[in-house]
Amino acid sequence: MGDWGWEYHPDAHHVIGETPNLSFVAQVEARADELVRVAAALYLDGTTYQGQSPGVQEEVLPGGMFQYLTVVRQERLYIVQVTPWPL
């Protein structure tokens, strides 16, 4: 298995900003961990992958949603937007 991981893109402050809902952010990060494990199992050696990456996808969780981009050849999942529902 490669070095799959996830990160906020371009950075955490830009993506999650000043959201007061830290429990939702924790849910997003836990789900990102799960999605990375799935990608690592699906693309065993992502660096040599020749197909098209899945593109931007969306996850809806209790309390909000987030969008992420999976780049297989970089073995990275980039969280690009986090939107908590209003409390």
PDB file of N, CA and C in Angstrom:
ATOM      1  N   MET A   1       0.847  -1.163   0.000  1.00  0.00           N
ATOM      2  CA  MET A   1       0.000   0.000   0.000  1.00  0.00           C
ATOM      3  C   MET A   1       0.898   1.233   0.000  1.00  0.00           C
ATOM      4  N   GLY A   2       0.445   2.270  -0.692  1.00  0.00           N
ATOM      5  CA  GLY A   2       1.221   3.499  -0.812  1.00  0.00           C
ATOM      6  C   GLY A   2       1.063   4.395   0.409  1.00  0.00           C
ATOM      7  N   ASP A   3       1.298   5.647   0.194  1.00  0.00           N
ATOM      8  CA  ASP A   3       1.242   6.640   1.265  1.00  0.00           C
ATOM      9  C   ASP A   3       0.003   7.515   1.143  1.00  0.00           C
ATOM     10  N   TRP A   4      -1.144   6.899   1.015  1.00  0.00           N
ATOM     11  CA  TRP A   4      -2.384   7.641   0.895  1.00  0.00           C
ATOM     12  C   TRP A   4      -2.609   8.520   2.119  1.00  0.00           C
ATOM     13  N   GLY A   5      -3.184   9.675   1.885  1.00  0.00           N
ATOM     14  CA  GLY A   5      -3.519  10.586   2.967  1.00  0.00           C
ATOM     15  C   GLY A   5      -4.517  11.618   2.492  1.00  0.00           C
ATOM     16  N   TRP A   6      -4.940  12.459   3.404  1.00  0.00           N
ATOM     17  CA  TRP A   6      -5.858  13.531   3.033  1.00  0.00           C
ATOM     18  C   TRP A   6      -5.346  14.837   3.613  1.00  0.00           C
ATOM     19  N   GLU A   7      -5.801  15.929   3.035  1.00  0.00           N
ATOM     20  CA  GLU A   7      -5.466  17.257   3.541  1.00  0.00           C
ATOM     21  C   GLU A   7      -6.510  18.256   3.052  1.00  0.00           C
ATOM     22  N   TYR A   8      -6.545  19.385   3.734  1.00  0.00           N
ATOM     23  CA  TYR A   8      -7.396  20.476   3.283  1.00  0.00           C
ATOM     24  C   TYR A   8      -6.681  21.195   2.147  1.00  0.00           C
ATOM     25  N   HIS A   9      -7.452  21.617   1.139  1.00  0.00           N
ATOM     26  CA  HIS A   9      -6.837  22.321   0.019  1.00  0.00           C
ATOM     27  C   HIS A   9      -7.586  23.609  -0.264  1.00  0.00           C
ATOM     28  N   PRO A  10      -6.950  24.762  -0.207  1.00  0.00           N
ATOM     29  CA  PRO A  10      -5.504  24.954  -0.119  1.00  0.00           C
ATOM     30  C   PRO A  10      -4.951  24.826   1.301  1.00  0.00           C
ATOM     31  N   ASP A  11      -5.780  25.101   2.331  1.00  0.00           N
ATOM     32  CA  ASP A  11      -5.351  24.887   3.714  1.00  0.00           C
ATOM     33  C   ASP A  11      -6.595  24.852   4.602  1.00  0.00           C
ATOM     34  N   ALA A  12      -6.416  24.455   5.841  1.00  0.00           N
ATOM     35  CA  ALA A  12      -7.556  24.282   6.752  1.00  0.00           C
ATOM     36  C   ALA A  12      -8.301  25.588   6.979  1.00  0.00           C
ATOM     37  N   HIS A  13      -7.597  26.680   7.165  1.00  0.00           N
ATOM     38  CA  HIS A  13      -8.274  27.950   7.430  1.00  0.00           C
ATOM     39  C   HIS A  13      -9.164  28.352   6.262  1.00  0.00           C
ATOM     40  N   HIS A  14      -8.689  28.152   5.050  1.00  0.00           N
ATOM     41  CA  HIS A  14      -9.477  28.496   3.868  1.00  0.00           C
ATOM     42  C   HIS A  14     -10.720  27.608   3.748  1.00  0.00           C
ATOM     43  N   VAL A  15     -10.592  26.341   4.070  1.00  0.00           N
ATOM     44  CA  VAL A  15     -11.690  25.392   3.862  1.00  0.00           C
ATOM     45  C   VAL A  15     -12.694  25.409   5.007  1.00  0.00           C
ATOM     46  N   ILE A  16     -12.229  25.376   6.251  1.00  0.00           N
ATOM     47  CA  ILE A  16     -13.176  25.337   7.368  1.00  0.00           C
ATOM     48  C   ILE A  16     -13.333  26.684   8.046  1.00  0.00           C
ATOM     49  N   GLY A  17     -12.428  27.608   7.795  1.00  0.00           N
ATOM     50  CA  GLY A  17     -12.549  28.960   8.319  1.00  0.00           C
ATOM     51  C   GLY A  17     -12.701  29.004   9.821  1.00  0.00           C
ATOM     52  N   GLU A  18     -13.631  29.793  10.268  1.00  0.00           N
ATOM     53  CA  GLU A  18     -13.849  30.021  11.695  1.00  0.00           C
ATOM     54  C   GLU A  18     -15.060  29.256  12.222  1.00  0.00           C
ATOM     55  N   THR A  19     -15.419  28.152  11.584  1.00  0.00           N
ATOM     56  CA  THR A  19     -16.621  27.421  11.990  1.00  0.00           C
ATOM     57  C   THR A  19     -16.578  27.073  13.479  1.00  0.00           C
ATOM     58  N   PRO A  20     -17.645  27.417  14.186  1.00  0.00           N
ATOM     59  CA  PRO A  20     -17.684  27.096  15.614  1.00  0.00           C
ATOM     60  C   PRO A  20     -18.075  25.639  15.878  1.00  0.00           C
ATOM     61  N   ASN A  21     -18.464  24.919  14.849  1.00  0.00           N
ATOM     62  CA  ASN A  21     -18.965  23.559  15.007  1.00  0.00           C
ATOM     63  C   ASN A  21     -17.821  22.551  14.907  1.00  0.00           C
ATOM     64  N   LEU A  22     -17.014  22.480  15.960  1.00  0.00           N
ATOM     65  CA  LEU A  22     -15.843  21.593  15.938  1.00  0.00           C
ATOM     66  C   LEU A  22     -16.221  20.122  15.906  1.00  0.00           C
ATOM     67  N   SER A  23     -17.384  19.766  16.432  1.00  0.00           N
ATOM     68  CA  SER A  23     -17.797  18.362  16.371  1.00  0.00           C
ATOM     69  C   SER A  23     -18.085  17.963  14.924  1.00  0.00           C
ATOM     70  N   PHE A  24     -18.602  18.890  14.134  1.00  0.00           N
ATOM     71  CA  PHE A  24     -18.823  18.584  12.714  1.00  0.00           C
ATOM     72  C   PHE A  24     -17.495  18.434  11.988  1.00  0.00           C
ATOM     73  N   VAL A  25     -16.548  19.306  12.288  1.00  0.00           N
ATOM     74  CA  VAL A  25     -15.219  19.199  11.673  1.00  0.00           C
ATOM     75  C   VAL A  25     -14.596  17.846  12.026  1.00  0.00           C
ATOM     76  N   ALA A  26     -14.772  17.388  13.251  1.00  0.00           N
ATOM     77  CA  ALA A  26     -14.260  16.072  13.659  1.00  0.00           C
ATOM     78  C   ALA A  26     -14.917  14.961  12.847  1.00  0.00           C
ATOM     79  N   GLN A  27     -16.217  15.095  12.557  1.00  0.00           N
ATOM     80  CA  GLN A  27     -16.917  14.110  11.716  1.00  0.00           C
ATOM     81  C   GLN A  27     -16.331  14.089  10.309  1.00  0.00           C
ATOM     82  N   VAL A  28     -16.074  15.281   9.763  1.00  0.00           N
ATOM     83  CA  VAL A  28     -15.493  15.385   8.421  1.00  0.00           C
ATOM     84  C   VAL A  28     -14.141  14.687   8.387  1.00  0.00           C
ATOM     85  N   GLU A  29     -13.314  14.954   9.373  1.00  0.00           N
ATOM     86  CA  GLU A  29     -11.975  14.374   9.395  1.00  0.00           C
ATOM     87  C   GLU A  29     -12.009  12.863   9.591  1.00  0.00           C
ATOM     88  N   ALA A  30     -12.944  12.373  10.396  1.00  0.00           N
ATOM     89  CA  ALA A  30     -13.085  10.918  10.577  1.00  0.00           C
ATOM     90  C   ALA A  30     -13.542  10.263   9.278  1.00  0.00           C
ATOM     91  N   ARG A  31     -14.468  10.908   8.583  1.00  0.00           N
ATOM     92  CA  ARG A  31     -14.948  10.360   7.309  1.00  0.00           C
ATOM     93  C   ARG A  31     -13.832  10.408   6.266  1.00  0.00           C
ATOM     94  N   ALA A  32     -13.019  11.462   6.281  1.00  0.00           N
ATOM     95  CA  ALA A  32     -11.879  11.548   5.356  1.00  0.00           C
ATOM     96  C   ALA A  32     -10.908  10.393   5.601  1.00  0.00           C
ATOM     97  N   ASP A  33     -10.675  10.048   6.857  1.00  0.00           N
ATOM     98  CA  ASP A  33      -9.826   8.898   7.174  1.00  0.00           C
ATOM     99  C   ASP A  33     -10.390   7.619   6.551  1.00  0.00           C
ATOM    100  N   GLU A  34     -11.701   7.437   6.659  1.00  0.00           N
ATOM    101  CA  GLU A  34     -12.348   6.256   6.068  1.00  0.00           C
ATOM    102  C   GLU A  34     -12.212   6.263   4.546  1.00  0.00           C
ATOM    103  N   LEU A  35     -12.436   7.408   3.930  1.00  0.00           N
ATOM    104  CA  LEU A  35     -12.348   7.505   2.467  1.00  0.00           C
ATOM    105  C   LEU A  35     -10.938   7.225   1.971  1.00  0.00           C
ATOM    106  N   VAL A  36      -9.938   7.626   2.740  1.00  0.00           N
ATOM    107  CA  VAL A  36      -8.544   7.338   2.374  1.00  0.00           C
ATOM    108  C   VAL A  36      -8.283   5.837   2.430  1.00  0.00           C
ATOM    109  N   ARG A  37      -8.805   5.165   3.452  1.00  0.00           N
ATOM    110  CA  ARG A  37      -8.628   3.711   3.537  1.00  0.00           C
ATOM    111  C   ARG A  37      -9.295   3.006   2.357  1.00  0.00           C
ATOM    112  N   VAL A  38     -10.465   3.478   1.947  1.00  0.00           N
ATOM    113  CA  VAL A  38     -11.158   2.909   0.790  1.00  0.00           C
ATOM    114  C   VAL A  38     -10.332   3.121  -0.479  1.00  0.00           C
ATOM    115  N   ALA A  39      -9.843   4.340  -0.671  1.00  0.00           N
ATOM    116  CA  ALA A  39      -9.043   4.635  -1.871  1.00  0.00           C
ATOM    117  C   ALA A  39      -7.774   3.799  -1.907  1.00  0.00           C
ATOM    118  N   ALA A  40      -7.124   3.632  -0.765  1.00  0.00           N
ATOM    119  CA  ALA A  40      -5.897   2.836  -0.714  1.00  0.00           C
ATOM    120  C   ALA A  40      -6.168   1.379  -1.086  1.00  0.00           C
ATOM    121  N   ALA A  41      -7.326   0.866  -0.692  1.00  0.00           N
ATOM    122  CA  ALA A  41      -7.684  -0.516  -1.039  1.00  0.00           C
ATOM    123  C   ALA A  41      -8.087  -0.634  -2.509  1.00  0.00           C
ATOM    124  N   LEU A  42      -8.721   0.393  -3.035  1.00  0.00           N
ATOM    125  CA  LEU A  42      -9.192   0.369  -4.422  1.00  0.00           C
ATOM    126  C   LEU A  42      -8.055   0.588  -5.412  1.00  0.00           C
ATOM    127  N   TYR A  43      -7.139   1.478  -5.073  1.00  0.00           N
ATOM    128  CA  TYR A  43      -6.010   1.808  -5.954  1.00  0.00           C
ATOM    129  C   TYR A  43      -4.730   1.401  -5.221  1.00  0.00           C
ATOM    130  N   LEU A  44      -4.361   0.139  -5.343  1.00  0.00           N
ATOM    131  CA  LEU A  44      -3.250  -0.405  -4.554  1.00  0.00           C
ATOM    132  C   LEU A  44      -1.939   0.336  -4.779  1.00  0.00           C
ATOM    133  N   ASP A  45      -1.651   0.724  -6.001  1.00  0.00           N
ATOM    134  CA  ASP A  45      -0.462   1.539  -6.276  1.00  0.00           C
ATOM    135  C   ASP A  45      -0.911   2.731  -7.095  1.00  0.00           C
ATOM    136  N   GLY A  46      -1.422   3.728  -6.395  1.00  0.00           N
ATOM    137  CA  GLY A  46      -1.982   4.886  -7.065  1.00  0.00           C
ATOM    138  C   GLY A  46      -0.991   5.633  -7.933  1.00  0.00           C
ATOM    139  N   THR A  47       0.284   5.606  -7.572  1.00  0.00           N
ATOM    140  CA  THR A  47       1.276   6.372  -8.328  1.00  0.00           C
ATOM    141  C   THR A  47       1.434   5.877  -9.761  1.00  0.00           C
ATOM    142  N   THR A  48       1.082   4.632 -10.021  1.00  0.00           N
ATOM    143  CA  THR A  48       1.189   4.095 -11.382  1.00  0.00           C
ATOM    144  C   THR A  48      -0.166   4.012 -12.079  1.00  0.00           C
ATOM    145  N   TYR A  49      -1.197   4.508 -11.446  1.00  0.00           N
ATOM    146  CA  TYR A  49      -2.557   4.457 -12.004  1.00  0.00           C
ATOM    147  C   TYR A  49      -2.621   5.237 -13.314  1.00  0.00           C
ATOM    148  N   GLN A  50      -3.239   4.645 -14.334  1.00  0.00           N
ATOM    149  CA  GLN A  50      -3.309   5.272 -15.656  1.00  0.00           C
ATOM    150  C   GLN A  50      -4.701   5.789 -16.012  1.00  0.00           C
ATOM    151  N   GLY A  51      -5.700   5.478 -15.208  1.00  0.00           N
ATOM    152  CA  GLY A  51      -7.066   5.897 -15.517  1.00  0.00           C
ATOM    153  C   GLY A  51      -7.357   7.311 -15.060  1.00  0.00           C
ATOM    154  N   GLN A  52      -8.619   7.664 -15.183  1.00  0.00           N
ATOM    155  CA  GLN A  52      -9.064   8.976 -14.765  1.00  0.00           C
ATOM    156  C   GLN A  52      -9.395   8.956 -13.277  1.00  0.00           C
ATOM    157  N   SER A  53      -9.023  10.012 -12.568  1.00  0.00           N
ATOM    158  CA  SER A  53      -9.375  10.119 -11.151  1.00  0.00           C
ATOM    159  C   SER A  53     -10.876  10.363 -11.028  1.00  0.00           C
ATOM    160  N   PRO A  54     -11.468  10.009  -9.886  1.00  0.00           N
ATOM    161  CA  PRO A  54     -12.921  10.116  -9.729  1.00  0.00           C
ATOM    162  C   PRO A  54     -13.478  11.537  -9.797  1.00  0.00           C
ATOM    163  N   GLY A  55     -12.664  12.549  -9.596  1.00  0.00           N
ATOM    164  CA  GLY A  55     -13.159  13.924  -9.629  1.00  0.00           C
ATOM    165  C   GLY A  55     -13.699  14.351  -8.276  1.00  0.00           C
ATOM    166  N   VAL A  56     -14.374  15.491  -8.269  1.00  0.00           N
ATOM    167  CA  VAL A  56     -14.920  16.035  -7.025  1.00  0.00           C
ATOM    168  C   VAL A  56     -16.155  15.228  -6.632  1.00  0.00           C
ATOM    169  N   GLN A  57     -16.194  14.860  -5.362  1.00  0.00           N
ATOM    170  CA  GLN A  57     -17.327  14.108  -4.829  1.00  0.00           C
ATOM    171  C   GLN A  57     -17.831  14.804  -3.573  1.00  0.00           C
ATOM    172  N   GLU A  58     -18.996  14.387  -3.122  1.00  0.00           N
ATOM    173  CA  GLU A  58     -19.657  15.046  -2.003  1.00  0.00           C
ATOM    174  C   GLU A  58     -20.092  14.013  -0.977  1.00  0.00           C
ATOM    175  N   GLU A  59     -19.943  14.365   0.278  1.00  0.00           N
ATOM    176  CA  GLU A  59     -20.411  13.530   1.390  1.00  0.00           C
ATOM    177  C   GLU A  59     -21.346  14.372   2.251  1.00  0.00           C
ATOM    178  N   VAL A  60     -22.503  13.819   2.573  1.00  0.00           N
ATOM    179  CA  VAL A  60     -23.442  14.484   3.466  1.00  0.00           C
ATOM    180  C   VAL A  60     -23.399  13.750   4.797  1.00  0.00           C
ATOM    181  N   LEU A  61     -23.184  14.513   5.851  1.00  0.00           N
ATOM    182  CA  LEU A  61     -23.089  13.971   7.202  1.00  0.00           C
ATOM    183  C   LEU A  61     -24.128  14.662   8.082  1.00  0.00           C
ATOM    184  N   PRO A  62     -24.423  14.103   9.243  1.00  0.00           N
ATOM    185  CA  PRO A  62     -25.292  14.839  10.165  1.00  0.00           C
ATOM    186  C   PRO A  62     -24.625  16.183  10.502  1.00  0.00           C
ATOM    187  N   GLY A  63     -25.306  17.250  10.241  1.00  0.00           N
ATOM    188  CA  GLY A  63     -24.754  18.566  10.563  1.00  0.00           C
ATOM    189  C   GLY A  63     -24.143  19.314   9.401  1.00  0.00           C
ATOM    190  N   GLY A  64     -24.072  18.711   8.217  1.00  0.00           N
ATOM    191  CA  GLY A  64     -23.509  19.428   7.082  1.00  0.00           C
ATOM    192  C   GLY A  64     -23.022  18.513   5.977  1.00  0.00           C
ATOM    193  N   MET A  65     -22.184  19.078   5.116  1.00  0.00           N
ATOM    194  CA  MET A  65     -21.636  18.300   4.000  1.00  0.00           C
ATOM    195  C   MET A  65     -20.225  18.801   3.697  1.00  0.00           C
ATOM    196  N   PHE A  66     -19.500  17.994   2.915  1.00  0.00           N
ATOM    197  CA  PHE A  66     -18.194  18.436   2.441  1.00  0.00           C
ATOM    198  C   PHE A  66     -17.931  17.877   1.061  1.00  0.00           C
ATOM    199  N   GLN A  67     -17.088  18.572   0.320  1.00  0.00           N
ATOM    200  CA  GLN A  67     -16.682  18.139  -1.006  1.00  0.00           C
ATOM    201  C   GLN A  67     -15.195  17.835  -0.978  1.00  0.00           C
ATOM    202  N   TYR A  68     -14.817  16.809  -1.737  1.00  0.00           N
ATOM    203  CA  TYR A  68     -13.415  16.413  -1.776  1.00  0.00           C
ATOM    204  C   TYR A  68     -13.041  15.958  -3.172  1.00  0.00           C
ATOM    205  N   LEU A  69     -11.780  16.057  -3.452  1.00  0.00           N
ATOM    206  CA  LEU A  69     -11.226  15.649  -4.732  1.00  0.00           C
ATOM    207  C   LEU A  69     -10.210  14.549  -4.466  1.00  0.00           C
ATOM    208  N   THR A  70     -10.366  13.424  -5.151  1.00  0.00           N
ATOM    209  CA  THR A  70      -9.405  12.328  -5.038  1.00  0.00           C
ATOM    210  C   THR A  70      -8.474  12.380  -6.240  1.00  0.00           C
ATOM    211  N   VAL A  71      -7.176  12.504  -5.986  1.00  0.00           N
ATOM    212  CA  VAL A  71      -6.174  12.496  -7.047  1.00  0.00           C
ATOM    213  C   VAL A  71      -5.364  11.220  -6.859  1.00  0.00           C
ATOM    214  N   VAL A  72      -5.694  10.227  -7.652  1.00  0.00           N
ATOM    215  CA  VAL A  72      -5.146   8.884  -7.456  1.00  0.00           C
ATOM    216  C   VAL A  72      -3.626   8.865  -7.597  1.00  0.00           C
ATOM    217  N   ARG A  73      -3.084   9.482  -8.636  1.00  0.00           N
ATOM    218  CA  ARG A  73      -1.635   9.408  -8.856  1.00  0.00           C
ATOM    219  C   ARG A  73      -0.838  10.120  -7.769  1.00  0.00           C
ATOM    220  N   GLN A  74      -1.455  11.027  -7.049  1.00  0.00           N
ATOM    221  CA  GLN A  74      -0.794  11.673  -5.914  1.00  0.00           C
ATOM    222  C   GLN A  74      -1.105  10.950  -4.606  1.00  0.00           C
ATOM    223  N   GLU A  75      -2.004   9.965  -4.664  1.00  0.00           N
ATOM    224  CA  GLU A  75      -2.471   9.231  -3.487  1.00  0.00           C
ATOM    225  C   GLU A  75      -2.940  10.199  -2.404  1.00  0.00           C
ATOM    226  N   ARG A  76      -3.787  11.146  -2.833  1.00  0.00           N
ATOM    227  CA  ARG A  76      -4.288  12.175  -1.934  1.00  0.00           C
ATOM    228  C   ARG A  76      -5.769  12.405  -2.128  1.00  0.00           C
ATOM    229  N   LEU A  77      -6.403  12.679  -1.011  1.00  0.00           N
ATOM    230  CA  LEU A  77      -7.782  13.125  -0.992  1.00  0.00           C
ATOM    231  C   LEU A  77      -7.735  14.556  -0.461  1.00  0.00           C
ATOM    232  N   TYR A  78      -8.205  15.491  -1.262  1.00  0.00           N
ATOM    233  CA  TYR A  78      -8.176  16.906  -0.882  1.00  0.00           C
ATOM    234  C   TYR A  78      -9.577  17.363  -0.507  1.00  0.00           C
ATOM    235  N   ILE A  79      -9.756  17.807   0.719  1.00  0.00           N
ATOM    236  CA  ILE A  79     -11.033  18.374   1.137  1.00  0.00           C
ATOM    237  C   ILE A  79     -11.031  19.824   0.687  1.00  0.00           C
ATOM    238  N   VAL A  80     -11.983  20.162  -0.197  1.00  0.00           N
ATOM    239  CA  VAL A  80     -11.970  21.484  -0.807  1.00  0.00           C
ATOM    240  C   VAL A  80     -13.066  22.404  -0.280  1.00  0.00           C
ATOM    241  N   GLN A  81     -14.106  21.838   0.341  1.00  0.00           N
ATOM    242  CA  GLN A  81     -15.166  22.678   0.897  1.00  0.00           C
ATOM    243  C   GLN A  81     -15.856  21.946   2.037  1.00  0.00           C
ATOM    244  N   VAL A  82     -16.092  22.653   3.123  1.00  0.00           N
ATOM    245  CA  VAL A  82     -16.843  22.119   4.261  1.00  0.00           C
ATOM    246  C   VAL A  82     -17.979  23.097   4.534  1.00  0.00           C
ATOM    247  N   THR A  83     -19.199  22.569   4.565  1.00  0.00           N
ATOM    248  CA  THR A  83     -20.376  23.404   4.789  1.00  0.00           C
ATOM    249  C   THR A  83     -21.223  22.841   5.914  1.00  0.00           C
ATOM    250  N   PRO A  84     -21.080  23.406   7.124  1.00  0.00           N
ATOM    251  CA  PRO A  84     -21.966  22.962   8.209  1.00  0.00           C
ATOM    252  C   PRO A  84     -23.353  23.588   8.027  1.00  0.00           C
ATOM    253  N   TRP A  85     -24.379  22.848   8.405  1.00  0.00           N
ATOM    254  CA  TRP A  85     -25.726  23.403   8.355  1.00  0.00           C
ATOM    255  C   TRP A  85     -25.852  24.427   9.490  1.00  0.00           C
ATOM    256  N   PRO A  86     -26.683  25.428   9.297  1.00  0.00           N
ATOM    257  CA  PRO A  86     -26.894  26.392  10.400  1.00  0.00           C
ATOM    258  C   PRO A  86     -27.441  25.693  11.635  1.00  0.00           C
ATOM    259  N   LEU A  87     -26.990  26.137  12.784  1.00  0.00           N
ATOM    260  CA  LEU A  87     -27.439  25.528  14.045  1.00  0.00           C
ATOM    261  C   LEU A  87     -28.798  26.070  14.437  1.00  0.00           C
TER     262      LEU A  87
END
